[in-house]
Amino acid sequence: MAIRRTIELGGQEALAWLAAGAVALDVRERGERDAVRMPDSLWIPITELARRWPELPGSLPVLVYCSAGSRSYRAAKFLRERGLESAALVGGINEWISKGGAVEAGPRELAPTN
């Protein structure tokens, strides 16, 4: 995938990215993640991203999401500044759910693997 000029993706673009092999990264806190999340998404809370971003698979695009889009925008910008192809999901998980995107709930920690 070519790096996009825009840093935000709508629901349909996000689905296309995921279908093409992008990984989803949840940057919310544990309680938010336990309540609802994208299936198989990686998890690094935004408060830990500055330290843990090298754990992400650098060869794959990263679709970043949060609850409404502001944290994911900051995280995607941070990752781009470090050379990773990334974009934020506009409207976050709330928009994803409203568009019928797949979700799961309950405690589960899926950390990045290199």
N, C-alpha and C. Protein backbone atom coordinates (compact mmCIF):
# COMPACT_ATOMS: atom_id res chain seq x y z
N MET A 1 0.83 -1.19 0.00
CA MET A 1 0.00 0.00 0.00
C MET A 1 0.87 1.24 0.00
N ALA A 2 0.47 2.21 -0.73
CA ALA A 2 1.18 3.48 -0.73
C ALA A 2 0.74 4.31 0.47
N ILE A 3 1.64 5.05 1.02
CA ILE A 3 1.30 5.89 2.16
C ILE A 3 0.32 6.96 1.69
N ARG A 4 -0.77 7.06 2.42
CA ARG A 4 -1.82 8.02 2.09
C ARG A 4 -1.40 9.42 2.49
N ARG A 5 -1.91 10.38 1.76
CA ARG A 5 -1.67 11.79 2.14
C ARG A 5 -2.47 12.13 3.39
N THR A 6 -3.71 11.68 3.43
CA THR A 6 -4.53 11.95 4.60
C THR A 6 -4.20 10.96 5.70
N ILE A 7 -4.37 11.40 6.91
CA ILE A 7 -4.04 10.56 8.05
C ILE A 7 -5.28 9.88 8.63
N GLU A 8 -6.45 10.15 8.07
CA GLU A 8 -7.68 9.55 8.59
C GLU A 8 -8.38 8.71 7.53
N LEU A 9 -9.00 7.63 7.98
CA LEU A 9 -9.75 6.74 7.10
C LEU A 9 -11.18 6.62 7.60
N GLY A 10 -12.13 6.62 6.67
CA GLY A 10 -13.52 6.33 7.01
C GLY A 10 -13.71 4.82 7.11
N GLY A 11 -14.91 4.41 7.48
CA GLY A 11 -15.20 3.00 7.70
C GLY A 11 -14.93 2.10 6.51
N GLN A 12 -15.34 2.49 5.32
CA GLN A 12 -15.14 1.65 4.14
C GLN A 12 -13.65 1.55 3.78
N GLU A 13 -12.94 2.67 3.88
CA GLU A 13 -11.51 2.64 3.62
C GLU A 13 -10.78 1.77 4.65
N ALA A 14 -11.22 1.86 5.90
CA ALA A 14 -10.62 1.05 6.96
C ALA A 14 -10.82 -0.43 6.68
N LEU A 15 -12.02 -0.82 6.26
CA LEU A 15 -12.28 -2.21 5.91
C LEU A 15 -11.35 -2.67 4.79
N ALA A 16 -11.17 -1.82 3.79
CA ALA A 16 -10.29 -2.16 2.67
C ALA A 16 -8.85 -2.32 3.15
N TRP A 17 -8.41 -1.44 4.02
CA TRP A 17 -7.05 -1.54 4.57
C TRP A 17 -6.86 -2.86 5.29
N LEU A 18 -7.82 -3.20 6.16
CA LEU A 18 -7.72 -4.44 6.92
C LEU A 18 -7.73 -5.65 5.99
N ALA A 19 -8.59 -5.62 4.98
CA ALA A 19 -8.67 -6.72 4.02
C ALA A 19 -7.36 -6.89 3.25
N ALA A 20 -6.62 -5.78 3.08
CA ALA A 20 -5.36 -5.81 2.35
C ALA A 20 -4.17 -6.15 3.25
N GLY A 21 -4.42 -6.41 4.53
CA GLY A 21 -3.35 -6.85 5.41
C GLY A 21 -2.90 -5.89 6.50
N ALA A 22 -3.54 -4.73 6.60
CA ALA A 22 -3.19 -3.80 7.68
C ALA A 22 -3.55 -4.42 9.03
N VAL A 23 -2.85 -3.99 10.06
CA VAL A 23 -3.19 -4.42 11.42
C VAL A 23 -3.94 -3.29 12.11
N ALA A 24 -4.88 -3.66 12.96
CA ALA A 24 -5.62 -2.68 13.75
C ALA A 24 -4.92 -2.52 15.10
N LEU A 25 -4.74 -1.28 15.52
CA LEU A 25 -4.10 -0.98 16.80
C LEU A 25 -5.06 -0.18 17.66
N ASP A 26 -5.39 -0.72 18.80
CA ASP A 26 -6.26 -0.08 19.78
C ASP A 26 -5.37 0.70 20.74
N VAL A 27 -5.60 2.01 20.87
CA VAL A 27 -4.77 2.83 21.76
C VAL A 27 -5.54 3.30 23.00
N ARG A 28 -6.69 2.65 23.25
CA ARG A 28 -7.50 3.01 24.42
C ARG A 28 -6.98 2.34 25.68
N GLU A 29 -7.58 2.66 26.80
CA GLU A 29 -7.20 2.07 28.08
C GLU A 29 -7.89 0.71 28.25
N ARG A 30 -7.39 -0.09 29.19
CA ARG A 30 -7.86 -1.46 29.39
C ARG A 30 -9.37 -1.57 29.54
N GLY A 31 -9.99 -0.75 30.36
CA GLY A 31 -11.43 -0.84 30.58
C GLY A 31 -12.22 -0.63 29.29
N GLU A 32 -11.78 0.31 28.49
CA GLU A 32 -12.43 0.56 27.20
C GLU A 32 -12.27 -0.65 26.28
N ARG A 33 -11.08 -1.20 26.25
CA ARG A 33 -10.79 -2.36 25.40
C ARG A 33 -11.58 -3.58 25.83
N ASP A 34 -11.67 -3.81 27.13
CA ASP A 34 -12.42 -4.96 27.64
C ASP A 34 -13.90 -4.86 27.28
N ALA A 35 -14.41 -3.63 27.21
CA ALA A 35 -15.84 -3.43 26.92
C ALA A 35 -16.16 -3.79 25.47
N VAL A 36 -15.32 -3.37 24.53
CA VAL A 36 -15.55 -3.65 23.11
C VAL A 36 -14.29 -3.31 22.32
N ARG A 37 -14.00 -4.12 21.31
CA ARG A 37 -12.80 -3.91 20.49
C ARG A 37 -12.97 -4.60 19.14
N MET A 38 -12.12 -4.23 18.19
CA MET A 38 -12.06 -4.94 16.92
C MET A 38 -11.42 -6.30 17.16
N PRO A 39 -11.95 -7.35 16.57
CA PRO A 39 -11.33 -8.67 16.72
C PRO A 39 -9.88 -8.67 16.24
N ASP A 40 -9.03 -9.35 16.96
CA ASP A 40 -7.62 -9.52 16.62
C ASP A 40 -6.82 -8.23 16.57
N SER A 41 -7.35 -7.17 17.13
CA SER A 41 -6.59 -5.92 17.14
C SER A 41 -5.46 -6.00 18.16
N LEU A 42 -4.37 -5.32 17.84
CA LEU A 42 -3.26 -5.20 18.77
C LEU A 42 -3.61 -4.13 19.78
N TRP A 43 -2.92 -4.12 20.91
CA TRP A 43 -3.25 -3.16 21.95
C TRP A 43 -1.98 -2.56 22.56
N ILE A 44 -1.87 -1.26 22.40
CA ILE A 44 -0.86 -0.47 23.11
C ILE A 44 -1.57 0.81 23.55
N PRO A 45 -1.84 0.98 24.83
CA PRO A 45 -2.48 2.23 25.27
C PRO A 45 -1.65 3.43 24.83
N ILE A 46 -2.31 4.50 24.48
CA ILE A 46 -1.60 5.67 23.99
C ILE A 46 -0.57 6.17 25.00
N THR A 47 -0.83 5.96 26.28
CA THR A 47 0.12 6.38 27.31
C THR A 47 1.42 5.58 27.27
N GLU A 48 1.43 4.44 26.57
CA GLU A 48 2.62 3.61 26.45
C GLU A 48 3.23 3.62 25.04
N LEU A 49 2.58 4.30 24.12
CA LEU A 49 2.98 4.24 22.72
C LEU A 49 4.40 4.76 22.48
N ALA A 50 4.78 5.83 23.12
CA ALA A 50 6.12 6.40 22.91
C ALA A 50 7.21 5.39 23.25
N ARG A 51 6.95 4.53 24.20
CA ARG A 51 7.93 3.53 24.62
C ARG A 51 7.80 2.23 23.82
N ARG A 52 6.58 1.86 23.45
CA ARG A 52 6.34 0.53 22.90
C ARG A 52 6.13 0.47 21.38
N TRP A 53 6.14 1.60 20.69
CA TRP A 53 5.85 1.56 19.25
C TRP A 53 6.77 0.65 18.46
N PRO A 54 8.05 0.43 18.88
CA PRO A 54 8.89 -0.48 18.10
C PRO A 54 8.38 -1.94 18.08
N GLU A 55 7.44 -2.27 18.96
CA GLU A 55 6.87 -3.61 18.97
C GLU A 55 5.96 -3.87 17.77
N LEU A 56 5.53 -2.82 17.11
CA LEU A 56 4.61 -2.98 15.97
C LEU A 56 5.32 -3.57 14.76
N PRO A 57 4.59 -4.35 13.96
CA PRO A 57 5.20 -4.90 12.74
C PRO A 57 5.42 -3.78 11.73
N GLY A 58 6.65 -3.38 11.53
CA GLY A 58 6.97 -2.23 10.68
C GLY A 58 6.68 -2.42 9.22
N SER A 59 6.48 -3.67 8.79
CA SER A 59 6.25 -3.92 7.38
C SER A 59 4.77 -3.83 6.99
N LEU A 60 3.89 -3.68 7.96
CA LEU A 60 2.45 -3.63 7.69
C LEU A 60 1.86 -2.27 8.03
N PRO A 61 0.88 -1.81 7.25
CA PRO A 61 0.18 -0.57 7.61
C PRO A 61 -0.57 -0.76 8.92
N VAL A 62 -0.73 0.31 9.66
CA VAL A 62 -1.39 0.26 10.97
C VAL A 62 -2.62 1.16 10.95
N LEU A 63 -3.78 0.55 11.19
CA LEU A 63 -5.03 1.30 11.35
C LEU A 63 -5.22 1.51 12.84
N VAL A 64 -5.12 2.75 13.29
CA VAL A 64 -5.20 3.08 14.71
C VAL A 64 -6.61 3.49 15.06
N TYR A 65 -7.12 2.98 16.19
CA TYR A 65 -8.45 3.41 16.63
C TYR A 65 -8.50 3.62 18.13
N CYS A 66 -9.45 4.47 18.52
CA CYS A 66 -9.74 4.75 19.91
C CYS A 66 -11.25 4.80 20.04
N SER A 67 -11.79 5.58 20.95
CA SER A 67 -13.24 5.65 21.11
C SER A 67 -13.91 6.53 20.07
N ALA A 68 -13.34 7.73 19.86
CA ALA A 68 -13.99 8.68 18.97
C ALA A 68 -13.08 9.25 17.88
N GLY A 69 -11.78 9.03 17.97
CA GLY A 69 -10.88 9.46 16.91
C GLY A 69 -9.77 10.42 17.28
N SER A 70 -9.83 11.06 18.44
CA SER A 70 -8.78 12.04 18.74
C SER A 70 -7.48 11.38 19.18
N ARG A 71 -7.53 10.40 20.04
CA ARG A 71 -6.30 9.71 20.45
C ARG A 71 -5.67 8.97 19.27
N SER A 72 -6.52 8.35 18.45
CA SER A 72 -5.98 7.59 17.32
C SER A 72 -5.32 8.52 16.31
N TYR A 73 -5.85 9.72 16.13
CA TYR A 73 -5.24 10.69 15.22
C TYR A 73 -3.83 11.04 15.72
N ARG A 74 -3.72 11.33 17.01
CA ARG A 74 -2.41 11.66 17.59
C ARG A 74 -1.44 10.47 17.45
N ALA A 75 -1.95 9.27 17.70
CA ALA A 75 -1.11 8.08 17.62
C ALA A 75 -0.66 7.82 16.18
N ALA A 76 -1.56 7.96 15.22
CA ALA A 76 -1.20 7.74 13.82
C ALA A 76 -0.15 8.76 13.38
N LYS A 77 -0.31 10.00 13.80
CA LYS A 77 0.67 11.03 13.47
C LYS A 77 2.04 10.67 14.07
N PHE A 78 2.04 10.24 15.32
CA PHE A 78 3.26 9.83 16.01
C PHE A 78 3.95 8.69 15.24
N LEU A 79 3.17 7.68 14.83
CA LEU A 79 3.74 6.54 14.11
C LEU A 79 4.28 6.95 12.74
N ARG A 80 3.58 7.84 12.05
CA ARG A 80 4.06 8.32 10.76
C ARG A 80 5.40 9.04 10.91
N GLU A 81 5.53 9.81 11.97
CA GLU A 81 6.78 10.53 12.21
C GLU A 81 7.95 9.58 12.43
N ARG A 82 7.62 8.32 12.75
CA ARG A 82 8.65 7.30 12.95
C ARG A 82 8.76 6.34 11.77
N GLY A 83 8.11 6.70 10.67
CA GLY A 83 8.26 5.95 9.43
C GLY A 83 7.28 4.82 9.21
N LEU A 84 6.30 4.64 10.07
CA LEU A 84 5.31 3.59 9.88
C LEU A 84 4.12 4.12 9.09
N GLU A 85 3.65 3.33 8.15
CA GLU A 85 2.45 3.70 7.42
C GLU A 85 1.27 3.52 8.37
N SER A 86 0.57 4.59 8.66
CA SER A 86 -0.52 4.51 9.63
C SER A 86 -1.60 5.52 9.30
N ALA A 87 -2.80 5.22 9.78
CA ALA A 87 -3.93 6.13 9.62
C ALA A 87 -4.89 5.89 10.78
N ALA A 88 -5.62 6.92 11.13
CA ALA A 88 -6.60 6.85 12.22
C ALA A 88 -7.99 6.58 11.67
N LEU A 89 -8.75 5.79 12.40
CA LEU A 89 -10.13 5.52 12.04
C LEU A 89 -11.00 6.69 12.48
N VAL A 90 -11.59 7.38 11.52
CA VAL A 90 -12.46 8.52 11.82
C VAL A 90 -13.64 8.05 12.68
N GLY A 91 -13.86 8.72 13.79
CA GLY A 91 -14.98 8.37 14.66
C GLY A 91 -14.72 7.21 15.59
N GLY A 92 -13.56 6.58 15.47
CA GLY A 92 -13.15 5.52 16.38
C GLY A 92 -14.06 4.30 16.38
N ILE A 93 -13.97 3.54 17.45
CA ILE A 93 -14.74 2.30 17.57
C ILE A 93 -16.24 2.58 17.56
N ASN A 94 -16.63 3.74 18.06
CA ASN A 94 -18.06 4.09 18.06
C ASN A 94 -18.60 4.17 16.64
N GLU A 95 -17.86 4.79 15.74
CA GLU A 95 -18.26 4.88 14.34
C GLU A 95 -18.20 3.50 13.69
N TRP A 96 -17.17 2.73 14.02
CA TRP A 96 -17.02 1.38 13.50
C TRP A 96 -18.27 0.54 13.82
N ILE A 97 -18.72 0.62 15.07
CA ILE A 97 -19.90 -0.13 15.49
C ILE A 97 -21.14 0.36 14.76
N SER A 98 -21.27 1.68 14.63
CA SER A 98 -22.46 2.23 13.96
C SER A 98 -22.54 1.81 12.49
N LYS A 99 -21.40 1.51 11.89
CA LYS A 99 -21.36 1.07 10.49
C LYS A 99 -21.44 -0.45 10.37
N GLY A 100 -21.61 -1.14 11.49
CA GLY A 100 -21.74 -2.60 11.46
C GLY A 100 -20.43 -3.36 11.46
N GLY A 101 -19.33 -2.70 11.84
CA GLY A 101 -18.03 -3.38 11.89
C GLY A 101 -18.02 -4.45 12.97
N ALA A 102 -17.26 -5.51 12.75
CA ALA A 102 -17.18 -6.62 13.70
C ALA A 102 -16.50 -6.17 14.99
N VAL A 103 -17.03 -6.63 16.11
CA VAL A 103 -16.46 -6.33 17.42
C VAL A 103 -16.53 -7.57 18.31
N GLU A 104 -15.77 -7.54 19.37
CA GLU A 104 -15.83 -8.55 20.42
C GLU A 104 -15.66 -7.84 21.75
N ALA A 105 -15.96 -8.54 22.84
CA ALA A 105 -15.89 -7.92 24.16
C ALA A 105 -15.29 -8.92 25.14
N GLY A 106 -14.93 -8.40 26.31
CA GLY A 106 -14.37 -9.22 27.37
C GLY A 106 -12.87 -9.05 27.46
N PRO A 107 -12.30 -9.44 28.59
CA PRO A 107 -10.84 -9.30 28.77
C PRO A 107 -10.07 -10.12 27.74
N ARG A 108 -9.14 -9.49 27.13
CA ARG A 108 -8.23 -10.16 26.19
C ARG A 108 -7.12 -9.19 25.86
N GLU A 109 -5.91 -9.63 26.01
CA GLU A 109 -4.77 -8.77 25.70
C GLU A 109 -4.04 -9.36 24.51
N LEU A 110 -3.94 -8.59 23.47
CA LEU A 110 -3.19 -9.02 22.29
C LEU A 110 -2.14 -7.96 22.02
N ALA A 111 -0.92 -8.28 22.42
CA ALA A 111 0.18 -7.34 22.24
C ALA A 111 0.82 -7.59 20.89
N PRO A 112 1.47 -6.60 20.34
CA PRO A 112 2.15 -6.77 19.05
C PRO A 112 3.23 -7.83 19.13
N THR A 113 3.48 -8.47 18.02
CA THR A 113 4.61 -9.38 17.89
C THR A 113 5.40 -8.99 16.66
N ASN A 114 6.67 -9.02 16.76
CA ASN A 114 7.52 -8.63 15.62
C ASN A 114 7.71 -9.78 14.67
